[in-house]
Amino acid sequence: MDSIEQKILQIIDAHRDALQAMADDLFHHAEQGYHEYRTASIVSDYLKKLGLSVQEGLAATGVRADIGNGQGPRIALIGELDGLACPDHPAATADGFAHACGHYAQIVCMLGAALALSDPEVAAHLDGTAAIFAVPAEEYLDASVREEVRRSHGILSSGGKCELLRRGLMDDIDLAVTTHSHMAGRGSTDADLMLGCSACTGFIGKTIYMHGRAAHAAAAPHLGANALNAACLGMSALGMIRETFEEKDCVRVHPYIRKGGDAINIVPSEVVVDMMVRARTQEAIEKVSEKVDNCFRGAAMAIGCEAEIVNSQGYMPCPERLPEAVLQEAAALLGPDVRVCSIPAGVCNTASTDVGDLFAVMPVLNFTFGGSCGALHSRDYAVTDPETAHILPAKLMALLAYRLLKDGAARARDITASYAAPFTKEGYRKYIQETFPAPEDAR
């Protein structure tokens, strides 16, 4: 450990109480994606107090401030602003949102790292730029909210990172650092920190508008075409094709009926089904998506209805990325009492994240942290060890950023040079625009 690394740890330790107070405040004020105005304001004010120049309102609520010499590689230190709909969580807001996925802790981590890196002596040793980047809307929004933010803010992507990439607001970023509360399920751990990124599924969003014909449900049902029956038949067909999904593809298809009709005594003329179609590769996503479409089109034909299917941009799959040596070295600086492990190889996390879209255009270094209990996205999620959930991740993010950017930013340069991204940033935008064209009124 050099003197700058010692100073990074000392700075964060000296501000531990303030960071913990911020964590408690953020935890009790979760906000919906693209509506994180209070959280974004807290982030912006904190960065301004550090003397940084701040960009605000990026893709509605994103916030960015750069630390460093403005030359060399630019690495983004990512924190996610949003909570999720979990109205039965003990800390849920009046609007039903809660930080039951730990995103608030990412913000504390990111700001703790910014605090240390913005110290003049530390910043002078950065041969590149650390972009402190609070991003909106990691949690996928349902179709009604997507429509609202499209009309209010011109948002075309559900995921905040996707929207930032689409708008070119990350074109100057060469490498990203992300973190998250430990995920439950296969590959879960009791360690304080887990290094690396397991493979994650990607997905597309799908909305099926089943159009039928209204009629009196008692007096003349024979004159109608029951859209609800067609939708239910489509979901039955979906159940019957699940045996064709290959286990290696980690397929998940989960629908729900958003609208089931208009009145109890009218044959339903319009039913709306929202769903996500997930798989481990983009190829598998597209293959399963076509099968799902056939289920609902065939069901519509059988009942005498019409299925209108609208696909929406979801998130791209994350590749497995075992921890880089620089990440392991940074974690080792936290001391022998900190329990550190690496991701288990060959495990696919069937959840999805818009970090997959970052992987599509740049290398991403990821770690997860403990200090909590209960299933993510449930009322049971709770913080049990604030030091592990809030302070350790801040230290690791700051140490990692410094190690990536010191000594001519050699480590950052090596990682970016060796990464073969599936897309260029312009190629990513072209693919998204062609695959998920904007509605006519947004063009």
Protein backbone atom coordinates (compact mmCIF):
# COMPACT_ATOMS: atom_id res chain seq x y z
CA MET A 1 0.00 0.00 0.00
CA ASP A 2 1.42 3.38 -0.97
CA SER A 3 0.86 6.69 0.80
CA ILE A 4 -2.00 7.72 -1.50
CA GLU A 5 -3.85 4.48 -0.81
CA GLN A 6 -3.38 5.04 2.91
CA LYS A 7 -4.82 8.52 2.53
CA ILE A 8 -7.84 7.22 0.60
CA LEU A 9 -8.69 4.88 3.45
CA GLN A 10 -8.11 7.57 6.06
CA ILE A 11 -10.42 10.03 4.29
CA ILE A 12 -13.29 7.57 4.06
CA ASP A 13 -12.80 6.45 7.68
CA ALA A 14 -12.86 10.08 8.83
CA HIS A 15 -16.23 10.62 7.15
CA ARG A 16 -17.77 7.28 8.13
CA ASP A 17 -20.51 8.80 10.30
CA ALA A 18 -21.61 11.26 7.61
CA LEU A 19 -21.72 8.51 4.98
CA GLN A 20 -23.76 6.28 7.27
CA ALA A 21 -26.21 9.10 7.93
CA MET A 22 -26.58 9.62 4.19
CA ALA A 23 -27.19 5.89 3.73
CA ASP A 24 -29.98 5.91 6.30
CA ASP A 25 -31.62 8.92 4.67
CA LEU A 26 -31.45 7.51 1.14
CA PHE A 27 -32.71 4.10 2.26
CA HIS A 28 -35.95 5.66 3.52
CA HIS A 29 -36.59 7.81 0.42
CA ALA A 30 -36.60 5.43 -2.55
CA GLU A 31 -37.82 6.81 -5.88
CA GLN A 32 -39.01 5.32 -9.16
CA GLY A 33 -36.69 5.20 -12.16
CA TYR A 34 -36.46 8.47 -14.13
CA HIS A 35 -38.20 10.15 -11.16
CA GLU A 36 -35.26 10.16 -8.71
CA TYR A 37 -35.28 13.94 -8.29
CA ARG A 38 -34.59 14.02 -4.55
CA THR A 39 -31.79 11.45 -4.76
CA ALA A 40 -30.21 13.17 -7.76
CA SER A 41 -30.31 16.49 -5.91
CA ILE A 42 -28.51 14.96 -2.92
CA VAL A 43 -25.83 13.54 -5.21
CA SER A 44 -25.41 16.81 -7.08
CA ASP A 45 -25.19 18.91 -3.91
CA TYR A 46 -22.62 16.56 -2.39
CA LEU A 47 -20.40 16.68 -5.48
CA LYS A 48 -20.64 20.46 -5.65
CA LYS A 49 -19.51 20.69 -2.02
CA LEU A 50 -16.43 18.73 -3.05
CA GLY A 51 -15.68 21.54 -5.49
CA LEU A 52 -16.53 19.56 -8.60
CA SER A 53 -18.24 20.79 -11.75
CA VAL A 54 -21.50 18.86 -12.01
CA GLN A 55 -23.68 17.91 -14.97
CA GLU A 56 -27.33 17.36 -14.05
CA GLY A 57 -30.49 16.15 -15.77
CA LEU A 58 -28.72 13.53 -17.89
CA ALA A 59 -31.47 11.28 -19.28
CA ALA A 60 -33.89 13.01 -16.90
CA THR A 61 -32.12 12.56 -13.57
CA GLY A 62 -28.54 11.40 -14.17
CA VAL A 63 -25.66 13.27 -12.52
CA ARG A 64 -21.99 13.33 -13.49
CA ALA A 65 -18.81 14.98 -12.18
CA ASP A 66 -15.27 14.30 -13.38
CA ILE A 67 -12.14 14.02 -11.23
CA GLY A 68 -8.66 13.95 -12.74
CA ASN A 69 -6.52 15.62 -15.34
CA GLY A 70 -8.95 15.33 -18.25
CA GLN A 71 -6.41 13.30 -20.18
CA GLY A 72 -5.92 9.58 -20.62
CA PRO A 73 -8.57 6.92 -20.00
CA ARG A 74 -11.94 7.83 -18.51
CA ILE A 75 -13.46 5.36 -16.10
CA ALA A 76 -17.05 5.68 -14.89
CA LEU A 77 -17.75 4.92 -11.24
CA ILE A 78 -21.42 3.94 -11.40
CA GLY A 79 -24.13 4.36 -8.78
CA GLU A 80 -27.78 3.59 -9.49
CA LEU A 81 -30.34 6.13 -8.31
CA ASP A 82 -33.62 4.24 -8.33
CA GLY A 83 -35.60 2.11 -5.94
CA LEU A 84 -38.29 -0.35 -6.96
CA ALA A 85 -41.98 -0.96 -6.43
CA CYS A 86 -42.21 -2.93 -3.17
CA PRO A 87 -45.15 -1.43 -1.26
CA ASP A 88 -45.09 -3.95 1.59
CA HIS A 89 -41.46 -3.23 2.52
CA PRO A 90 -41.15 -1.66 5.99
CA ALA A 91 -39.28 1.32 4.51
CA ALA A 92 -41.59 1.80 1.51
CA THR A 93 -42.58 5.35 0.67
CA ALA A 94 -46.17 6.53 0.41
CA ASP A 95 -45.89 5.83 -3.34
CA GLY A 96 -44.88 2.22 -2.67
CA PHE A 97 -41.18 2.40 -3.57
CA ALA A 98 -38.38 0.91 -1.49
CA HIS A 99 -34.65 0.28 -1.74
CA ALA A 100 -35.15 -3.47 -1.60
CA CYS A 101 -32.30 -4.01 -4.07
CA GLY A 102 -29.60 -1.97 -2.34
CA HIS A 103 -29.14 0.74 -4.96
CA TYR A 104 -28.99 3.45 -2.31
CA ALA A 105 -25.79 1.76 -1.02
CA GLN A 106 -24.22 2.14 -4.47
CA ILE A 107 -24.80 5.89 -4.24
CA VAL A 108 -23.08 6.01 -0.84
CA CYS A 109 -20.23 3.91 -2.25
CA MET A 110 -19.85 6.17 -5.28
CA LEU A 111 -19.93 9.38 -3.22
CA GLY A 112 -17.49 7.97 -0.66
CA ALA A 113 -15.12 7.20 -3.52
CA ALA A 114 -15.64 10.71 -4.92
CA LEU A 115 -14.80 12.17 -1.51
CA ALA A 116 -11.46 10.38 -1.41
CA LEU A 117 -10.52 10.82 -5.07
CA SER A 118 -11.30 14.55 -5.08
CA ASP A 119 -8.74 15.23 -2.36
CA PRO A 120 -6.16 17.42 -4.13
CA GLU A 121 -3.21 15.14 -3.33
CA VAL A 122 -5.07 12.04 -4.49
CA ALA A 123 -6.46 13.70 -7.62
CA ALA A 124 -2.96 14.84 -8.60
CA HIS A 125 -1.92 11.19 -8.91
CA LEU A 126 -4.72 10.26 -11.33
CA ASP A 127 -3.34 9.97 -14.86
CA GLY A 128 -6.81 9.93 -16.32
CA THR A 129 -10.34 10.78 -15.27
CA ALA A 130 -12.74 9.19 -12.82
CA ALA A 131 -16.27 10.08 -13.90
CA ILE A 132 -18.59 9.95 -10.89
CA PHE A 133 -21.77 8.88 -12.64
CA ALA A 134 -25.14 8.49 -10.89
CA VAL A 135 -27.43 6.83 -13.41
CA PRO A 136 -31.24 6.56 -13.44
CA ALA A 137 -33.62 3.66 -13.80
CA GLU A 138 -31.81 0.34 -13.53
CA GLU A 139 -35.08 -1.38 -12.63
CA TYR A 140 -37.11 -2.14 -15.75
CA LEU A 141 -40.22 0.00 -15.97
CA ASP A 142 -43.61 -1.35 -16.98
CA ALA A 143 -45.16 -0.20 -20.24
CA SER A 144 -47.39 2.49 -18.72
CA VAL A 145 -44.43 4.20 -17.03
CA ARG A 146 -42.30 3.86 -20.15
CA GLU A 147 -45.01 5.71 -22.08
CA GLU A 148 -45.18 8.45 -19.43
CA VAL A 149 -41.42 9.18 -19.41
CA ARG A 150 -41.28 9.04 -23.20
CA ARG A 151 -43.84 11.81 -23.39
CA SER A 152 -42.46 13.85 -20.49
CA HIS A 153 -38.71 13.52 -21.11
CA GLY A 154 -38.26 11.92 -24.53
CA ILE A 155 -36.96 8.74 -22.87
CA LEU A 156 -36.90 5.83 -25.32
CA SER A 157 -35.04 3.21 -23.23
CA SER A 158 -36.32 1.69 -20.02
CA GLY A 159 -32.81 1.27 -18.63
CA GLY A 160 -30.94 4.41 -17.63
CA LYS A 161 -27.58 3.17 -18.91
CA CYS A 162 -29.23 2.24 -22.21
CA GLU A 163 -30.68 5.74 -22.53
CA LEU A 164 -27.36 7.39 -21.69
CA LEU A 165 -25.65 5.26 -24.34
CA ARG A 166 -28.39 6.02 -26.86
CA ARG A 167 -27.94 9.76 -26.28
CA GLY A 168 -24.15 9.57 -26.58
CA LEU A 169 -23.65 10.70 -22.98
CA MET A 170 -21.15 7.91 -22.31
CA ASP A 171 -19.22 8.16 -25.57
CA ASP A 172 -16.11 9.38 -23.76
CA ILE A 173 -16.14 6.57 -21.18
CA ASP A 174 -13.57 3.82 -21.74
CA LEU A 175 -14.24 1.53 -18.78
CA ALA A 176 -16.91 1.24 -16.09
CA VAL A 177 -16.81 0.13 -12.45
CA THR A 178 -20.09 -1.20 -11.04
CA THR A 179 -21.22 -2.74 -7.78
CA HIS A 180 -24.31 -4.27 -6.22
CA SER A 181 -25.60 -5.91 -3.09
CA HIS A 182 -24.95 -9.66 -3.19
CA MET A 183 -27.45 -11.54 -5.32
CA ALA A 184 -29.27 -14.51 -3.80
CA GLY A 185 -29.50 -17.96 -5.39
CA ARG A 186 -26.81 -19.88 -7.22
CA GLY A 187 -23.39 -18.42 -6.57
CA SER A 188 -24.47 -16.54 -3.44
CA THR A 189 -21.90 -16.01 -0.69
CA ASP A 190 -21.40 -15.05 2.93
CA ALA A 191 -18.21 -13.14 2.08
CA ASP A 192 -18.03 -9.40 2.63
CA LEU A 193 -17.05 -8.79 -0.99
CA MET A 194 -17.36 -10.91 -4.12
CA LEU A 195 -15.19 -9.90 -7.06
CA GLY A 196 -16.07 -10.25 -10.74
CA CYS A 197 -19.27 -10.45 -12.74
CA SER A 198 -21.26 -13.63 -13.28
CA ALA A 199 -23.03 -14.12 -16.57
CA CYS A 200 -26.52 -12.60 -16.50
CA THR A 201 -29.46 -13.04 -18.83
CA GLY A 202 -30.60 -10.30 -21.13
CA PHE A 203 -34.18 -9.75 -22.21
CA ILE A 204 -36.62 -7.87 -24.36
CA GLY A 205 -39.85 -6.34 -23.14
CA LYS A 206 -42.99 -7.43 -24.92
CA THR A 207 -46.51 -6.01 -24.84
CA ILE A 208 -49.33 -7.94 -26.51
CA TYR A 209 -52.48 -6.04 -27.34
CA MET A 210 -55.14 -8.67 -27.93
CA HIS A 211 -57.93 -7.08 -29.99
CA GLY A 212 -61.33 -8.75 -29.94
CA ARG A 213 -64.90 -7.60 -30.42
CA ALA A 214 -67.23 -6.38 -27.67
CA ALA A 215 -70.73 -7.76 -27.16
CA HIS A 216 -73.20 -8.21 -24.33
CA ALA A 217 -71.67 -10.95 -22.18
CA ALA A 218 -75.05 -12.51 -21.32
CA ALA A 219 -77.45 -11.61 -24.11
CA ALA A 220 -75.21 -12.01 -27.16
CA PRO A 221 -71.75 -13.40 -26.36
CA HIS A 222 -71.84 -15.17 -29.74
CA LEU A 223 -71.51 -11.78 -31.42
CA GLY A 224 -68.25 -11.03 -29.64
CA ALA A 225 -64.66 -12.19 -29.90
CA ASN A 226 -63.29 -12.60 -26.39
CA ALA A 227 -59.84 -11.04 -26.17
CA LEU A 228 -59.36 -12.34 -22.62
CA ASN A 229 -59.96 -15.91 -23.78
CA ALA A 230 -57.42 -15.39 -26.55
CA ALA A 231 -54.85 -14.00 -24.12
CA CYS A 232 -55.39 -16.87 -21.67
CA LEU A 233 -55.11 -19.39 -24.49
CA GLY A 234 -51.85 -17.73 -25.52
CA MET A 235 -50.48 -18.11 -22.00
CA SER A 236 -51.55 -21.76 -21.96
CA ALA A 237 -49.69 -22.27 -25.22
CA LEU A 238 -46.68 -20.56 -23.68
CA GLY A 239 -46.77 -23.10 -20.86
CA MET A 240 -46.87 -25.95 -23.36
CA ILE A 241 -43.77 -24.81 -25.26
CA ARG A 242 -41.59 -24.37 -22.17
CA GLU A 243 -40.19 -27.88 -22.68
CA THR A 244 -38.58 -26.62 -25.89
CA PHE A 245 -36.46 -24.07 -24.02
CA GLU A 246 -32.89 -25.31 -23.69
CA GLU A 247 -31.46 -25.30 -20.18
CA LYS A 248 -28.14 -23.88 -21.38
CA ASP A 249 -30.01 -20.74 -22.47
CA CYS A 250 -31.39 -20.01 -18.96
CA VAL A 251 -34.73 -18.93 -20.45
CA ARG A 252 -37.31 -17.12 -18.32
CA VAL A 253 -40.63 -15.82 -19.71
CA HIS A 254 -42.95 -14.13 -17.24
CA PRO A 255 -46.17 -12.36 -18.30
CA TYR A 256 -48.96 -10.59 -16.47
CA ILE A 257 -52.27 -9.18 -17.66
CA ARG A 258 -52.25 -5.40 -17.31
CA LYS A 259 -55.75 -4.94 -18.69
CA GLY A 260 -58.35 -7.69 -18.73
CA GLY A 261 -61.38 -5.92 -20.15
CA ASP A 262 -63.63 -2.93 -19.54
CA ALA A 263 -66.73 -4.18 -17.69
CA ILE A 264 -67.96 -7.43 -16.24
CA ASN A 265 -70.99 -7.66 -18.54
CA ILE A 266 -69.12 -6.93 -21.76
CA VAL A 267 -67.13 -9.47 -23.75
CA PRO A 268 -63.56 -8.14 -23.42
CA SER A 269 -62.58 -6.38 -26.61
CA GLU A 270 -59.04 -5.43 -25.61
CA VAL A 271 -56.65 -7.20 -23.27
CA VAL A 272 -53.07 -6.08 -22.64
CA VAL A 273 -50.36 -8.55 -21.61
CA ASP A 274 -46.91 -7.33 -20.55
CA MET A 275 -43.98 -9.70 -20.28
CA MET A 276 -40.23 -10.09 -20.28
CA VAL A 277 -38.45 -12.71 -22.40
CA ARG A 278 -35.04 -13.51 -20.92
CA ALA A 279 -32.16 -15.71 -22.04
CA ARG A 280 -28.41 -15.98 -21.70
CA THR A 281 -27.53 -14.85 -25.25
CA GLN A 282 -28.99 -12.36 -27.67
CA GLU A 283 -29.49 -15.18 -30.17
CA ALA A 284 -31.53 -17.21 -27.66
CA ILE A 285 -33.60 -14.15 -26.72
CA GLU A 286 -34.60 -13.62 -30.35
CA LYS A 287 -35.36 -17.34 -30.85
CA VAL A 288 -37.61 -17.56 -27.77
CA SER A 289 -39.25 -14.26 -28.62
CA GLU A 290 -40.42 -15.66 -31.94
CA LYS A 291 -41.87 -18.73 -30.21
CA VAL A 292 -43.78 -16.52 -27.77
CA ASP A 293 -45.18 -14.47 -30.64
CA ASN A 294 -46.43 -17.65 -32.33
CA CYS A 295 -48.27 -18.67 -29.15
CA PHE A 296 -50.29 -15.48 -29.02
CA ARG A 297 -50.83 -15.09 -32.75
CA GLY A 298 -52.10 -18.66 -32.96
CA ALA A 299 -54.37 -18.16 -29.94
CA ALA A 300 -55.75 -14.98 -31.46
CA MET A 301 -56.56 -16.77 -34.70
CA ALA A 302 -58.30 -19.61 -32.84
CA ILE A 303 -60.63 -17.20 -30.98
CA GLY A 304 -61.18 -14.79 -33.85
CA CYS A 305 -59.08 -11.98 -32.44
CA GLU A 306 -56.00 -10.11 -33.58
CA ALA A 307 -52.69 -10.02 -31.67
CA GLU A 308 -50.70 -6.79 -31.94
CA ILE A 309 -47.22 -7.41 -30.54
CA VAL A 310 -44.88 -4.57 -29.59
CA ASN A 311 -41.30 -5.37 -28.60
CA SER A 312 -39.43 -2.89 -26.41
CA GLN A 313 -35.72 -2.58 -25.76
CA GLY A 314 -34.69 -4.50 -22.68
CA TYR A 315 -31.16 -5.21 -21.49
CA MET A 316 -28.33 -7.08 -23.17
CA PRO A 317 -26.80 -10.17 -21.52
CA CYS A 318 -23.75 -9.80 -19.29
CA PRO A 319 -20.79 -12.05 -20.08
CA GLU A 320 -18.99 -13.84 -17.30
CA ARG A 321 -15.97 -11.77 -16.27
CA LEU A 322 -13.65 -13.19 -13.65
CA PRO A 323 -11.94 -10.59 -11.45
CA GLU A 324 -8.95 -8.77 -12.88
CA ALA A 325 -5.73 -8.77 -10.90
CA VAL A 326 -6.08 -5.05 -10.20
CA LEU A 327 -9.46 -5.64 -8.52
CA GLN A 328 -8.03 -8.45 -6.38
CA GLU A 329 -5.06 -6.27 -5.41
CA ALA A 330 -7.30 -3.38 -4.40
CA ALA A 331 -9.49 -5.67 -2.28
CA ALA A 332 -6.41 -7.09 -0.53
CA LEU A 333 -5.59 -3.59 0.73
CA LEU A 334 -8.71 -3.64 2.91
CA GLY A 335 -7.00 -5.96 5.38
CA PRO A 336 -7.03 -9.60 6.45
CA ASP A 337 -10.30 -9.32 8.38
CA VAL A 338 -12.29 -8.52 5.24
CA ARG A 339 -13.64 -11.72 3.71
CA VAL A 340 -13.17 -11.62 -0.07
CA CYS A 341 -14.03 -14.22 -2.70
CA SER A 342 -14.30 -14.41 -6.47
CA ILE A 343 -17.43 -15.24 -8.45
CA PRO A 344 -17.91 -18.96 -9.05
CA ALA A 345 -17.09 -19.79 -12.66
CA GLY A 346 -19.80 -21.12 -14.94
CA VAL A 347 -22.80 -19.75 -13.05
CA CYS A 348 -25.49 -17.77 -14.88
CA ASN A 349 -27.54 -15.30 -12.89
CA THR A 350 -31.01 -15.44 -14.45
CA ALA A 351 -31.76 -11.86 -13.37
CA SER A 352 -30.90 -9.06 -15.79
CA THR A 353 -29.28 -5.65 -15.58
CA ASP A 354 -28.56 -2.79 -17.95
CA VAL A 355 -24.90 -3.28 -17.06
CA GLY A 356 -25.15 -5.74 -19.95
CA ASP A 357 -25.48 -2.77 -22.27
CA LEU A 358 -22.27 -1.31 -20.85
CA PHE A 359 -20.53 -4.64 -21.51
CA ALA A 360 -21.76 -4.38 -25.11
CA VAL A 361 -19.49 -1.37 -25.70
CA MET A 362 -16.79 -1.35 -22.97
CA PRO A 363 -15.13 -3.48 -20.28
CA VAL A 364 -16.81 -3.47 -16.87
CA LEU A 365 -15.18 -4.28 -13.54
CA ASN A 366 -17.76 -5.41 -10.98
CA PHE A 367 -17.95 -6.46 -7.37
CA THR A 368 -20.80 -7.17 -4.97
CA PHE A 369 -21.00 -6.54 -1.24
CA GLY A 370 -22.66 -8.12 1.78
CA GLY A 371 -24.04 -6.58 4.93
CA SER A 372 -27.68 -7.35 4.20
CA CYS A 373 -30.15 -10.18 4.59
CA GLY A 374 -33.42 -11.20 2.98
CA ALA A 375 -34.27 -11.72 -0.66
CA LEU A 376 -33.71 -8.85 -3.05
CA HIS A 377 -36.93 -7.26 -4.35
CA SER A 378 -38.85 -8.42 -1.28
CA ARG A 379 -40.13 -6.94 1.97
CA ASP A 380 -37.48 -9.00 3.79
CA TYR A 381 -34.45 -7.10 2.43
CA ALA A 382 -32.67 -5.36 5.31
CA VAL A 383 -29.21 -4.06 6.17
CA THR A 384 -27.56 -5.99 8.98
CA ASP A 385 -23.99 -4.66 8.82
CA PRO A 386 -23.77 -1.01 7.69
CA GLU A 387 -19.96 -1.08 7.64
CA THR A 388 -19.93 -3.88 5.08
CA ALA A 389 -22.86 -2.51 3.08
CA HIS A 390 -21.73 1.12 2.90
CA ILE A 391 -18.11 1.79 3.90
CA LEU A 392 -16.20 -1.22 2.52
CA PRO A 393 -17.60 -0.76 -1.01
CA ALA A 394 -16.66 2.94 -0.99
CA LYS A 395 -13.09 2.08 -0.02
CA LEU A 396 -12.81 -0.62 -2.67
CA MET A 397 -14.24 1.59 -5.42
CA ALA A 398 -11.83 4.42 -4.57
CA LEU A 399 -8.79 2.14 -4.30
CA LEU A 400 -9.67 0.44 -7.57
CA ALA A 401 -10.10 3.75 -9.41
CA TYR A 402 -6.74 4.95 -8.12
CA ARG A 403 -4.96 1.74 -9.12
CA LEU A 404 -6.52 1.87 -12.58
CA LEU A 405 -5.41 5.47 -13.16
CA LYS A 406 -2.05 5.80 -11.41
CA ASP A 407 1.31 5.33 -13.14
CA GLY A 408 0.13 6.59 -16.50
CA ALA A 409 -3.18 4.73 -16.14
CA ALA A 410 -1.37 1.59 -17.30
CA ARG A 411 -3.87 -0.82 -15.76
CA ALA A 412 -6.87 0.93 -17.30
CA ARG A 413 -5.15 1.07 -20.68
CA ASP A 414 -4.32 -2.65 -20.60
CA ILE A 415 -7.90 -3.64 -19.75
CA THR A 416 -9.50 -1.45 -22.42
CA ALA A 417 -6.98 -2.53 -25.06
CA SER A 418 -7.62 -6.22 -24.45
CA TYR A 419 -11.43 -6.07 -24.35
CA ALA A 420 -13.28 -7.08 -27.52
CA ALA A 421 -16.61 -5.26 -27.29
CA PRO A 422 -19.51 -6.73 -29.30
CA PHE A 423 -20.39 -3.23 -30.57
CA THR A 424 -18.83 0.13 -31.06
CA LYS A 425 -20.88 2.84 -29.35
CA GLU A 426 -22.17 4.00 -32.72
CA GLY A 427 -22.87 0.41 -33.77
CA TYR A 428 -24.83 -0.14 -30.55
CA ARG A 429 -27.00 2.90 -31.28
CA LYS A 430 -27.60 1.74 -34.84
CA TYR A 431 -28.63 -1.75 -33.67
CA ILE A 432 -31.03 -0.37 -31.06
CA GLN A 433 -32.59 2.15 -33.45
CA GLU A 434 -33.15 -0.50 -36.10
CA THR A 435 -34.38 -3.23 -33.73
CA PHE A 436 -36.58 -1.02 -31.55
CA PRO A 437 -37.61 1.95 -33.70
CA ALA A 438 -39.02 4.94 -31.89
CA PRO A 439 -42.78 5.60 -32.14
CA GLU A 440 -43.71 8.00 -34.91
CA ASP A 441 -44.49 10.85 -32.51
CA ALA A 442 -41.00 10.57 -31.00
CA ARG A 443 -39.05 10.68 -34.24
